[in-house]
Amino acid sequence: MMTIYQECTIYEVARDGYGKPIKKNAKTIKCRVKENYQLVKNRSAVEVVSKMEIMTFDDITINPDFKVEFEGLEYTILSTKLTRNTLGEVVKRVVYV
């Protein structure tokens, strides 16, 4: 199994009473970040260039509308990929930003 030694925060963006964006349901997870340029398909099935790949083994739900914060920078999720074992259980989640 891979060593997971980095941390990032995944959250959804909501609006407060004044219309300013706030972080809602923020979760800090252990992850591994790999910076490389790669062609991925977004949820509209259009090929886009991803500049970072975030892998995690945590059991969390990742919605494409969520944002990812890593080292103080905010990223938009372009695509996600699940890896399953032979029993069909999710063992790894990969988020492309």
PDB file of N, CA and C in Angstrom:
ATOM      1  N   MET A   1       0.837  -1.179   0.000  1.00  0.00           N
ATOM      2  CA  MET A   1       0.000   0.000   0.000  1.00  0.00           C
ATOM      3  C   MET A   1       0.883   1.244   0.000  1.00  0.00           C
ATOM      4  N   MET A   2       0.397   2.297  -0.602  1.00  0.00           N
ATOM      5  CA  MET A   2       1.150   3.543  -0.722  1.00  0.00           C
ATOM      6  C   MET A   2       1.214   4.295   0.605  1.00  0.00           C
ATOM      7  N   THR A   3       2.287   5.006   0.817  1.00  0.00           N
ATOM      8  CA  THR A   3       2.412   5.858   1.994  1.00  0.00           C
ATOM      9  C   THR A   3       1.663   7.155   1.747  1.00  0.00           C
ATOM     10  N   ILE A   4       0.780   7.486   2.658  1.00  0.00           N
ATOM     11  CA  ILE A   4      -0.008   8.712   2.556  1.00  0.00           C
ATOM     12  C   ILE A   4       0.520   9.664   3.616  1.00  0.00           C
ATOM     13  N   TYR A   5       1.094  10.769   3.196  1.00  0.00           N
ATOM     14  CA  TYR A   5       1.727  11.666   4.161  1.00  0.00           C
ATOM     15  C   TYR A   5       1.346  13.125   3.973  1.00  0.00           C
ATOM     16  N   GLN A   6       0.470  13.432   3.047  1.00  0.00           N
ATOM     17  CA  GLN A   6       0.061  14.809   2.840  1.00  0.00           C
ATOM     18  C   GLN A   6      -1.387  14.971   3.283  1.00  0.00           C
ATOM     19  N   GLU A   7      -1.812  16.223   3.450  1.00  0.00           N
ATOM     20  CA  GLU A   7      -3.187  16.492   3.847  1.00  0.00           C
ATOM     21  C   GLU A   7      -3.795  17.542   2.931  1.00  0.00           C
ATOM     22  N   CYS A   8      -5.066  17.350   2.602  1.00  0.00           N
ATOM     23  CA  CYS A   8      -5.803  18.369   1.865  1.00  0.00           C
ATOM     24  C   CYS A   8      -7.206  18.445   2.461  1.00  0.00           C
ATOM     25  N   THR A   9      -7.905  19.509   2.144  1.00  0.00           N
ATOM     26  CA  THR A   9      -9.250  19.726   2.650  1.00  0.00           C
ATOM     27  C   THR A   9     -10.218  19.722   1.484  1.00  0.00           C
ATOM     28  N   ILE A  10     -11.278  18.936   1.611  1.00  0.00           N
ATOM     29  CA  ILE A  10     -12.327  18.892   0.596  1.00  0.00           C
ATOM     30  C   ILE A  10     -13.578  19.475   1.220  1.00  0.00           C
ATOM     31  N   TYR A  11     -14.220  20.390   0.498  1.00  0.00           N
ATOM     32  CA  TYR A  11     -15.402  21.062   1.048  1.00  0.00           C
ATOM     33  C   TYR A  11     -16.305  21.527  -0.084  1.00  0.00           C
ATOM     34  N   GLU A  12     -17.546  21.826   0.294  1.00  0.00           N
ATOM     35  CA  GLU A  12     -18.467  22.418  -0.666  1.00  0.00           C
ATOM     36  C   GLU A  12     -18.585  23.906  -0.362  1.00  0.00           C
ATOM     37  N   VAL A  13     -18.869  24.674  -1.386  1.00  0.00           N
ATOM     38  CA  VAL A  13     -18.971  26.120  -1.238  1.00  0.00           C
ATOM     39  C   VAL A  13     -20.439  26.478  -1.083  1.00  0.00           C
ATOM     40  N   ALA A  14     -20.753  27.228  -0.032  1.00  0.00           N
ATOM     41  CA  ALA A  14     -22.112  27.706   0.223  1.00  0.00           C
ATOM     42  C   ALA A  14     -22.071  29.225   0.382  1.00  0.00           C
ATOM     43  N   ARG A  15     -23.190  29.822   0.529  1.00  0.00           N
ATOM     44  CA  ARG A  15     -23.283  31.283   0.718  1.00  0.00           C
ATOM     45  C   ARG A  15     -23.827  31.579   2.111  1.00  0.00           C
ATOM     46  N   ASP A  16     -23.242  32.598   2.753  1.00  0.00           N
ATOM     47  CA  ASP A  16     -23.755  33.012   4.047  1.00  0.00           C
ATOM     48  C   ASP A  16     -24.938  33.965   3.838  1.00  0.00           C
ATOM     49  N   GLY A  17     -25.420  34.561   4.888  1.00  0.00           N
ATOM     50  CA  GLY A  17     -26.572  35.457   4.823  1.00  0.00           C
ATOM     51  C   GLY A  17     -26.342  36.698   3.983  1.00  0.00           C
ATOM     52  N   TYR A  18     -25.081  37.067   3.772  1.00  0.00           N
ATOM     53  CA  TYR A  18     -24.750  38.248   2.981  1.00  0.00           C
ATOM     54  C   TYR A  18     -24.329  37.902   1.556  1.00  0.00           C
ATOM     55  N   GLY A  19     -24.363  36.618   1.200  1.00  0.00           N
ATOM     56  CA  GLY A  19     -24.011  36.208  -0.147  1.00  0.00           C
ATOM     57  C   GLY A  19     -22.533  35.925  -0.359  1.00  0.00           C
ATOM     58  N   LYS A  20     -21.749  35.984   0.704  1.00  0.00           N
ATOM     59  CA  LYS A  20     -20.323  35.690   0.578  1.00  0.00           C
ATOM     60  C   LYS A  20     -20.101  34.186   0.611  1.00  0.00           C
ATOM     61  N   PRO A  21     -19.141  33.678  -0.176  1.00  0.00           N
ATOM     62  CA  PRO A  21     -18.884  32.235  -0.162  1.00  0.00           C
ATOM     63  C   PRO A  21     -18.207  31.786   1.135  1.00  0.00           C
ATOM     64  N   ILE A  22     -18.671  30.656   1.659  1.00  0.00           N
ATOM     65  CA  ILE A  22     -18.096  30.069   2.868  1.00  0.00           C
ATOM     66  C   ILE A  22     -17.861  28.579   2.628  1.00  0.00           C
ATOM     67  N   LYS A  23     -16.978  27.988   3.425  1.00  0.00           N
ATOM     68  CA  LYS A  23     -16.721  26.549   3.353  1.00  0.00           C
ATOM     69  C   LYS A  23     -17.768  25.828   4.191  1.00  0.00           C
ATOM     70  N   LYS A  24     -18.387  24.812   3.584  1.00  0.00           N
ATOM     71  CA  LYS A  24     -19.410  24.044   4.284  1.00  0.00           C
ATOM     72  C   LYS A  24     -19.003  22.574   4.264  1.00  0.00           C
ATOM     73  N   ASN A  25     -19.162  21.889   5.381  1.00  0.00           N
ATOM     74  CA  ASN A  25     -18.826  20.463   5.509  1.00  0.00           C
ATOM     75  C   ASN A  25     -17.379  20.170   5.109  1.00  0.00           C
ATOM     76  N   ALA A  26     -16.445  20.962   5.596  1.00  0.00           N
ATOM     77  CA  ALA A  26     -15.024  20.771   5.268  1.00  0.00           C
ATOM     78  C   ALA A  26     -14.484  19.532   5.977  1.00  0.00           C
ATOM     79  N   LYS A  27     -13.744  18.700   5.216  1.00  0.00           N
ATOM     80  CA  LYS A  27     -13.118  17.503   5.769  1.00  0.00           C
ATOM     81  C   LYS A  27     -11.647  17.500   5.377  1.00  0.00           C
ATOM     82  N   THR A  28     -10.780  17.347   6.360  1.00  0.00           N
ATOM     83  CA  THR A  28      -9.350  17.226   6.097  1.00  0.00           C
ATOM     84  C   THR A  28      -9.028  15.744   5.978  1.00  0.00           C
ATOM     85  N   ILE A  29      -8.397  15.373   4.873  1.00  0.00           N
ATOM     86  CA  ILE A  29      -8.121  13.968   4.605  1.00  0.00           C
ATOM     87  C   ILE A  29      -6.637  13.764   4.336  1.00  0.00           C
ATOM     88  N   LYS A  30      -6.180  12.557   4.585  1.00  0.00           N
ATOM     89  CA  LYS A  30      -4.817  12.165   4.218  1.00  0.00           C
ATOM     90  C   LYS A  30      -4.824  11.826   2.735  1.00  0.00           C
ATOM     91  N   CYS A  31      -3.814  12.288   2.026  1.00  0.00           N
ATOM     92  CA  CYS A  31      -3.792  12.071   0.579  1.00  0.00           C
ATOM     93  C   CYS A  31      -2.358  12.047   0.072  1.00  0.00           C
ATOM     94  N   ARG A  32      -2.231  11.720  -1.183  1.00  0.00           N
ATOM     95  CA  ARG A  32      -0.953  11.822  -1.884  1.00  0.00           C
ATOM     96  C   ARG A  32      -1.221  12.642  -3.131  1.00  0.00           C
ATOM     97  N   VAL A  33      -0.429  13.690  -3.319  1.00  0.00           N
ATOM     98  CA  VAL A  33      -0.609  14.605  -4.447  1.00  0.00           C
ATOM     99  C   VAL A  33       0.531  14.407  -5.430  1.00  0.00           C
ATOM    100  N   LYS A  34       0.160  14.249  -6.687  1.00  0.00           N
ATOM    101  CA  LYS A  34       1.147  14.081  -7.748  1.00  0.00           C
ATOM    102  C   LYS A  34       0.859  15.151  -8.802  1.00  0.00           C
ATOM    103  N   GLU A  35       1.828  16.009  -9.015  1.00  0.00           N
ATOM    104  CA  GLU A  35       1.655  17.084  -9.989  1.00  0.00           C
ATOM    105  C   GLU A  35       2.145  16.619 -11.354  1.00  0.00           C
ATOM    106  N   ASN A  36       1.221  16.503 -12.286  1.00  0.00           N
ATOM    107  CA  ASN A  36       1.563  16.182 -13.668  1.00  0.00           C
ATOM    108  C   ASN A  36       0.396  16.604 -14.556  1.00  0.00           C
ATOM    109  N   TYR A  37       0.689  16.928 -15.790  1.00  0.00           N
ATOM    110  CA  TYR A  37      -0.351  17.324 -16.732  1.00  0.00           C
ATOM    111  C   TYR A  37      -0.888  16.078 -17.414  1.00  0.00           C
ATOM    112  N   GLN A  38      -2.216  15.979 -17.451  1.00  0.00           N
ATOM    113  CA  GLN A  38      -2.840  14.786 -17.976  1.00  0.00           C
ATOM    114  C   GLN A  38      -4.193  15.156 -18.579  1.00  0.00           C
ATOM    115  N   LEU A  39      -4.560  14.530 -19.690  1.00  0.00           N
ATOM    116  CA  LEU A  39      -5.874  14.737 -20.292  1.00  0.00           C
ATOM    117  C   LEU A  39      -6.893  13.855 -19.577  1.00  0.00           C
ATOM    118  N   VAL A  40      -7.962  14.476 -19.069  1.00  0.00           N
ATOM    119  CA  VAL A  40      -9.060  13.743 -18.436  1.00  0.00           C
ATOM    120  C   VAL A  40     -10.364  14.282 -18.985  1.00  0.00           C
ATOM    121  N   LYS A  41     -11.419  13.510 -18.840  1.00  0.00           N
ATOM    122  CA  LYS A  41     -12.745  13.968 -19.271  1.00  0.00           C
ATOM    123  C   LYS A  41     -13.485  14.505 -18.057  1.00  0.00           C
ATOM    124  N   ASN A  42     -14.050  15.708 -18.216  1.00  0.00           N
ATOM    125  CA  ASN A  42     -14.835  16.265 -17.124  1.00  0.00           C
ATOM    126  C   ASN A  42     -16.248  15.688 -17.177  1.00  0.00           C
ATOM    127  N   ARG A  43     -17.139  16.171 -16.325  1.00  0.00           N
ATOM    128  CA  ARG A  43     -18.475  15.567 -16.265  1.00  0.00           C
ATOM    129  C   ARG A  43     -19.319  15.849 -17.501  1.00  0.00           C
ATOM    130  N   SER A  44     -18.878  16.771 -18.373  1.00  0.00           N
ATOM    131  CA  SER A  44     -19.557  17.033 -19.644  1.00  0.00           C
ATOM    132  C   SER A  44     -18.941  16.215 -20.772  1.00  0.00           C
ATOM    133  N   ALA A  45     -18.040  15.302 -20.450  1.00  0.00           N
ATOM    134  CA  ALA A  45     -17.344  14.431 -21.404  1.00  0.00           C
ATOM    135  C   ALA A  45     -16.466  15.212 -22.377  1.00  0.00           C
ATOM    136  N   VAL A  46     -15.963  16.348 -21.941  1.00  0.00           N
ATOM    137  CA  VAL A  46     -15.027  17.152 -22.723  1.00  0.00           C
ATOM    138  C   VAL A  46     -13.633  16.914 -22.164  1.00  0.00           C
ATOM    139  N   GLU A  47     -12.657  16.707 -23.039  1.00  0.00           N
ATOM    140  CA  GLU A  47     -11.283  16.497 -22.573  1.00  0.00           C
ATOM    141  C   GLU A  47     -10.689  17.816 -22.099  1.00  0.00           C
ATOM    142  N   VAL A  48     -10.187  17.816 -20.883  1.00  0.00           N
ATOM    143  CA  VAL A  48      -9.548  18.995 -20.293  1.00  0.00           C
ATOM    144  C   VAL A  48      -8.201  18.563 -19.730  1.00  0.00           C
ATOM    145  N   VAL A  49      -7.344  19.516 -19.470  1.00  0.00           N
ATOM    146  CA  VAL A  49      -6.013  19.223 -18.934  1.00  0.00           C
ATOM    147  C   VAL A  49      -6.043  19.368 -17.417  1.00  0.00           C
ATOM    148  N   SER A  50      -5.686  18.291 -16.747  1.00  0.00           N
ATOM    149  CA  SER A  50      -5.569  18.298 -15.293  1.00  0.00           C
ATOM    150  C   SER A  50      -4.105  18.521 -14.941  1.00  0.00           C
ATOM    151  N   LYS A  51      -3.864  19.331 -13.927  1.00  0.00           N
ATOM    152  CA  LYS A  51      -2.477  19.574 -13.550  1.00  0.00           C
ATOM    153  C   LYS A  51      -2.082  18.884 -12.253  1.00  0.00           C
ATOM    154  N   MET A  52      -3.049  18.256 -11.580  1.00  0.00           N
ATOM    155  CA  MET A  52      -2.733  17.613 -10.312  1.00  0.00           C
ATOM    156  C   MET A  52      -3.656  16.416 -10.093  1.00  0.00           C
ATOM    157  N   GLU A  53      -3.089  15.385  -9.497  1.00  0.00           N
ATOM    158  CA  GLU A  53      -3.823  14.168  -9.186  1.00  0.00           C
ATOM    159  C   GLU A  53      -3.740  13.951  -7.683  1.00  0.00           C
ATOM    160  N   ILE A  54      -4.884  13.822  -7.020  1.00  0.00           N
ATOM    161  CA  ILE A  54      -4.939  13.644  -5.570  1.00  0.00           C
ATOM    162  C   ILE A  54      -5.517  12.263  -5.290  1.00  0.00           C
ATOM    163  N   MET A  55      -4.732  11.393  -4.643  1.00  0.00           N
ATOM    164  CA  MET A  55      -5.167  10.040  -4.315  1.00  0.00           C
ATOM    165  C   MET A  55      -5.444   9.941  -2.816  1.00  0.00           C
ATOM    166  N   THR A  56      -6.532   9.246  -2.465  1.00  0.00           N
ATOM    167  CA  THR A  56      -6.851   9.039  -1.064  1.00  0.00           C
ATOM    168  C   THR A  56      -7.464   7.659  -0.870  1.00  0.00           C
ATOM    169  N   PHE A  57      -7.295   7.107   0.312  1.00  0.00           N
ATOM    170  CA  PHE A  57      -7.894   5.830   0.666  1.00  0.00           C
ATOM    171  C   PHE A  57      -9.031   6.034   1.657  1.00  0.00           C
ATOM    172  N   ASP A  58      -9.313   7.284   2.044  1.00  0.00           N
ATOM    173  CA  ASP A  58     -10.383   7.580   2.991  1.00  0.00           C
ATOM    174  C   ASP A  58     -11.741   7.302   2.359  1.00  0.00           C
ATOM    175  N   ASP A  59     -12.686   6.874   3.192  1.00  0.00           N
ATOM    176  CA  ASP A  59     -14.038   6.578   2.724  1.00  0.00           C
ATOM    177  C   ASP A  59     -14.873   7.855   2.806  1.00  0.00           C
ATOM    178  N   ILE A  60     -14.815   8.659   1.754  1.00  0.00           N
ATOM    179  CA  ILE A  60     -15.568   9.914   1.714  1.00  0.00           C
ATOM    180  C   ILE A  60     -16.304  10.003   0.390  1.00  0.00           C
ATOM    181  N   THR A  61     -17.350  10.814   0.386  1.00  0.00           N
ATOM    182  CA  THR A  61     -18.094  11.078  -0.842  1.00  0.00           C
ATOM    183  C   THR A  61     -17.536  12.354  -1.451  1.00  0.00           C
ATOM    184  N   ILE A  62     -17.138  12.274  -2.719  1.00  0.00           N
ATOM    185  CA  ILE A  62     -16.571  13.431  -3.401  1.00  0.00           C
ATOM    186  C   ILE A  62     -17.504  13.822  -4.530  1.00  0.00           C
ATOM    187  N   ASN A  63     -18.082  14.991  -4.413  1.00  0.00           N
ATOM    188  CA  ASN A  63     -18.987  15.520  -5.425  1.00  0.00           C
ATOM    189  C   ASN A  63     -18.185  16.421  -6.365  1.00  0.00           C
ATOM    190  N   PRO A  64     -18.438  16.398  -7.669  1.00  0.00           N
ATOM    191  CA  PRO A  64     -17.687  17.276  -8.584  1.00  0.00           C
ATOM    192  C   PRO A  64     -17.871  18.766  -8.304  1.00  0.00           C
ATOM    193  N   ASP A  65     -18.900  19.138  -7.531  1.00  0.00           N
ATOM    194  CA  ASP A  65     -19.115  20.547  -7.175  1.00  0.00           C
ATOM    195  C   ASP A  65     -18.265  20.983  -5.991  1.00  0.00           C
ATOM    196  N   PHE A  66     -17.599  20.050  -5.331  1.00  0.00           N
ATOM    197  CA  PHE A  66     -16.754  20.377  -4.188  1.00  0.00           C
ATOM    198  C   PHE A  66     -15.486  21.077  -4.656  1.00  0.00           C
ATOM    199  N   LYS A  67     -14.781  21.675  -3.716  1.00  0.00           N
ATOM    200  CA  LYS A  67     -13.479  22.301  -3.956  1.00  0.00           C
ATOM    201  C   LYS A  67     -12.441  21.574  -3.119  1.00  0.00           C
ATOM    202  N   VAL A  68     -11.198  21.660  -3.543  1.00  0.00           N
ATOM    203  CA  VAL A  68     -10.082  21.043  -2.825  1.00  0.00           C
ATOM    204  C   VAL A  68      -9.085  22.131  -2.476  1.00  0.00           C
ATOM    205  N   GLU A  69      -8.643  22.147  -1.226  1.00  0.00           N
ATOM    206  CA  GLU A  69      -7.612  23.093  -0.799  1.00  0.00           C
ATOM    207  C   GLU A  69      -6.367  22.300  -0.444  1.00  0.00           C
ATOM    208  N   PHE A  70      -5.254  22.660  -1.089  1.00  0.00           N
ATOM    209  CA  PHE A  70      -3.980  22.001  -0.827  1.00  0.00           C
ATOM    210  C   PHE A  70      -2.904  23.062  -0.760  1.00  0.00           C
ATOM    211  N   GLU A  71      -2.158  23.063   0.332  1.00  0.00           N
ATOM    212  CA  GLU A  71      -1.090  24.036   0.584  1.00  0.00           C
ATOM    213  C   GLU A  71      -1.569  25.472   0.399  1.00  0.00           C
ATOM    214  N   GLY A  72      -2.777  25.754   0.884  1.00  0.00           N
ATOM    215  CA  GLY A  72      -3.308  27.111   0.864  1.00  0.00           C
ATOM    216  C   GLY A  72      -3.923  27.547  -0.449  1.00  0.00           C
ATOM    217  N   LEU A  73      -3.925  26.701  -1.473  1.00  0.00           N
ATOM    218  CA  LEU A  73      -4.512  27.040  -2.766  1.00  0.00           C
ATOM    219  C   LEU A  73      -5.791  26.246  -2.980  1.00  0.00           C
ATOM    220  N   GLU A  74      -6.773  26.891  -3.603  1.00  0.00           N
ATOM    221  CA  GLU A  74      -8.064  26.258  -3.860  1.00  0.00           C
ATOM    222  C   GLU A  74      -8.127  25.756  -5.299  1.00  0.00           C
ATOM    223  N   TYR A  75      -8.589  24.509  -5.466  1.00  0.00           N
ATOM    224  CA  TYR A  75      -8.675  23.900  -6.794  1.00  0.00           C
ATOM    225  C   TYR A  75     -10.096  23.426  -7.054  1.00  0.00           C
ATOM    226  N   THR A  76     -10.497  23.446  -8.326  1.00  0.00           N
ATOM    227  CA  THR A  76     -11.793  22.944  -8.751  1.00  0.00           C
ATOM    228  C   THR A  76     -11.637  21.502  -9.222  1.00  0.00           C
ATOM    229  N   ILE A  77     -12.547  20.643  -8.821  1.00  0.00           N
ATOM    230  CA  ILE A  77     -12.490  19.238  -9.212  1.00  0.00           C
ATOM    231  C   ILE A  77     -12.958  19.103 -10.652  1.00  0.00           C
ATOM    232  N   LEU A  78     -12.112  18.502 -11.488  1.00  0.00           N
ATOM    233  CA  LEU A  78     -12.465  18.270 -12.891  1.00  0.00           C
ATOM    234  C   LEU A  78     -13.089  16.898 -13.082  1.00  0.00           C
ATOM    235  N   SER A  79     -12.522  15.886 -12.420  1.00  0.00           N
ATOM    236  CA  SER A  79     -12.982  14.518 -12.617  1.00  0.00           C
ATOM    237  C   SER A  79     -12.563  13.677 -11.419  1.00  0.00           C
ATOM    238  N   THR A  80     -13.263  12.570 -11.213  1.00  0.00           N
ATOM    239  CA  THR A  80     -12.898  11.621 -10.163  1.00  0.00           C
ATOM    240  C   THR A  80     -12.865  10.215 -10.750  1.00  0.00           C
ATOM    241  N   LYS A  81     -12.076   9.340 -10.124  1.00  0.00           N
ATOM    242  CA  LYS A  81     -11.975   7.953 -10.568  1.00  0.00           C
ATOM    243  C   LYS A  81     -11.892   7.072  -9.335  1.00  0.00           C
ATOM    244  N   LEU A  82     -12.620   5.963  -9.346  1.00  0.00           N
ATOM    245  CA  LEU A  82     -12.607   5.014  -8.242  1.00  0.00           C
ATOM    246  C   LEU A  82     -11.880   3.752  -8.675  1.00  0.00           C
ATOM    247  N   THR A  83     -11.118   3.156  -7.753  1.00  0.00           N
ATOM    248  CA  THR A  83     -10.486   1.866  -7.988  1.00  0.00           C
ATOM    249  C   THR A  83     -11.117   0.880  -7.025  1.00  0.00           C
ATOM    250  N   ARG A  84     -11.599  -0.237  -7.549  1.00  0.00           N
ATOM    251  CA  ARG A  84     -12.281  -1.239  -6.726  1.00  0.00           C
ATOM    252  C   ARG A  84     -11.456  -2.527  -6.665  1.00  0.00           C
ATOM    253  N   ASN A  85     -11.634  -3.277  -5.578  1.00  0.00           N
ATOM    254  CA  ASN A  85     -10.974  -4.583  -5.463  1.00  0.00           C
ATOM    255  C   ASN A  85     -11.865  -5.657  -6.081  1.00  0.00           C
ATOM    256  N   THR A  86     -11.502  -6.915  -5.951  1.00  0.00           N
ATOM    257  CA  THR A  86     -12.264  -7.995  -6.586  1.00  0.00           C
ATOM    258  C   THR A  86     -13.645  -8.192  -5.975  1.00  0.00           C
ATOM    259  N   LEU A  87     -13.869  -7.687  -4.779  1.00  0.00           N
ATOM    260  CA  LEU A  87     -15.186  -7.782  -4.144  1.00  0.00           C
ATOM    261  C   LEU A  87     -16.081  -6.601  -4.482  1.00  0.00           C
ATOM    262  N   GLY A  88     -15.554  -5.646  -5.242  1.00  0.00           N
ATOM    263  CA  GLY A  88     -16.343  -4.479  -5.625  1.00  0.00           C
ATOM    264  C   GLY A  88     -16.276  -3.334  -4.638  1.00  0.00           C
ATOM    265  N   GLU A  89     -15.456  -3.450  -3.622  1.00  0.00           N
ATOM    266  CA  GLU A  89     -15.319  -2.380  -2.629  1.00  0.00           C
ATOM    267  C   GLU A  89     -14.350  -1.331  -3.141  1.00  0.00           C
ATOM    268  N   VAL A  90     -14.650  -0.079  -2.875  1.00  0.00           N
ATOM    269  CA  VAL A  90     -13.773   1.015  -3.297  1.00  0.00           C
ATOM    270  C   VAL A  90     -12.545   1.023  -2.404  1.00  0.00           C
ATOM    271  N   VAL A  91     -11.360   0.974  -3.004  1.00  0.00           N
ATOM    272  CA  VAL A  91     -10.118   0.959  -2.229  1.00  0.00           C
ATOM    273  C   VAL A  91      -9.313   2.238  -2.415  1.00  0.00           C
ATOM    274  N   LYS A  92      -9.560   2.949  -3.504  1.00  0.00           N
ATOM    275  CA  LYS A  92      -8.806   4.183  -3.752  1.00  0.00           C
ATOM    276  C   LYS A  92      -9.662   5.141  -4.561  1.00  0.00           C
ATOM    277  N   ARG A  93      -9.572   6.424  -4.202  1.00  0.00           N
ATOM    278  CA  ARG A  93     -10.241   7.466  -4.959  1.00  0.00           C
ATOM    279  C   ARG A  93      -9.175   8.406  -5.515  1.00  0.00           C
ATOM    280  N   VAL A  94      -9.317   8.769  -6.795  1.00  0.00           N
ATOM    281  CA  VAL A  94      -8.404   9.692  -7.418  1.00  0.00           C
ATOM    282  C   VAL A  94      -9.213  10.894  -7.884  1.00  0.00           C
ATOM    283  N   VAL A  95      -8.772  12.087  -7.494  1.00  0.00           N
ATOM    284  CA  VAL A  95      -9.432  13.339  -7.874  1.00  0.00           C
ATOM    285  C   VAL A  95      -8.483  14.099  -8.768  1.00  0.00           C
ATOM    286  N   TYR A  96      -8.967  14.529  -9.919  1.00  0.00           N
ATOM    287  CA  TYR A  96      -8.158  15.318 -10.858  1.00  0.00           C
ATOM    288  C   TYR A  96      -8.591  16.776 -10.759  1.00  0.00           C
ATOM    289  N   VAL A  97      -7.618  17.645 -10.541  1.00  0.00           N
ATOM    290  CA  VAL A  97      -7.899  19.095 -10.462  1.00  0.00           C
ATOM    291  C   VAL A  97      -7.037  19.842 -11.444  1.00  0.00           C
TER     292      VAL A  97
END
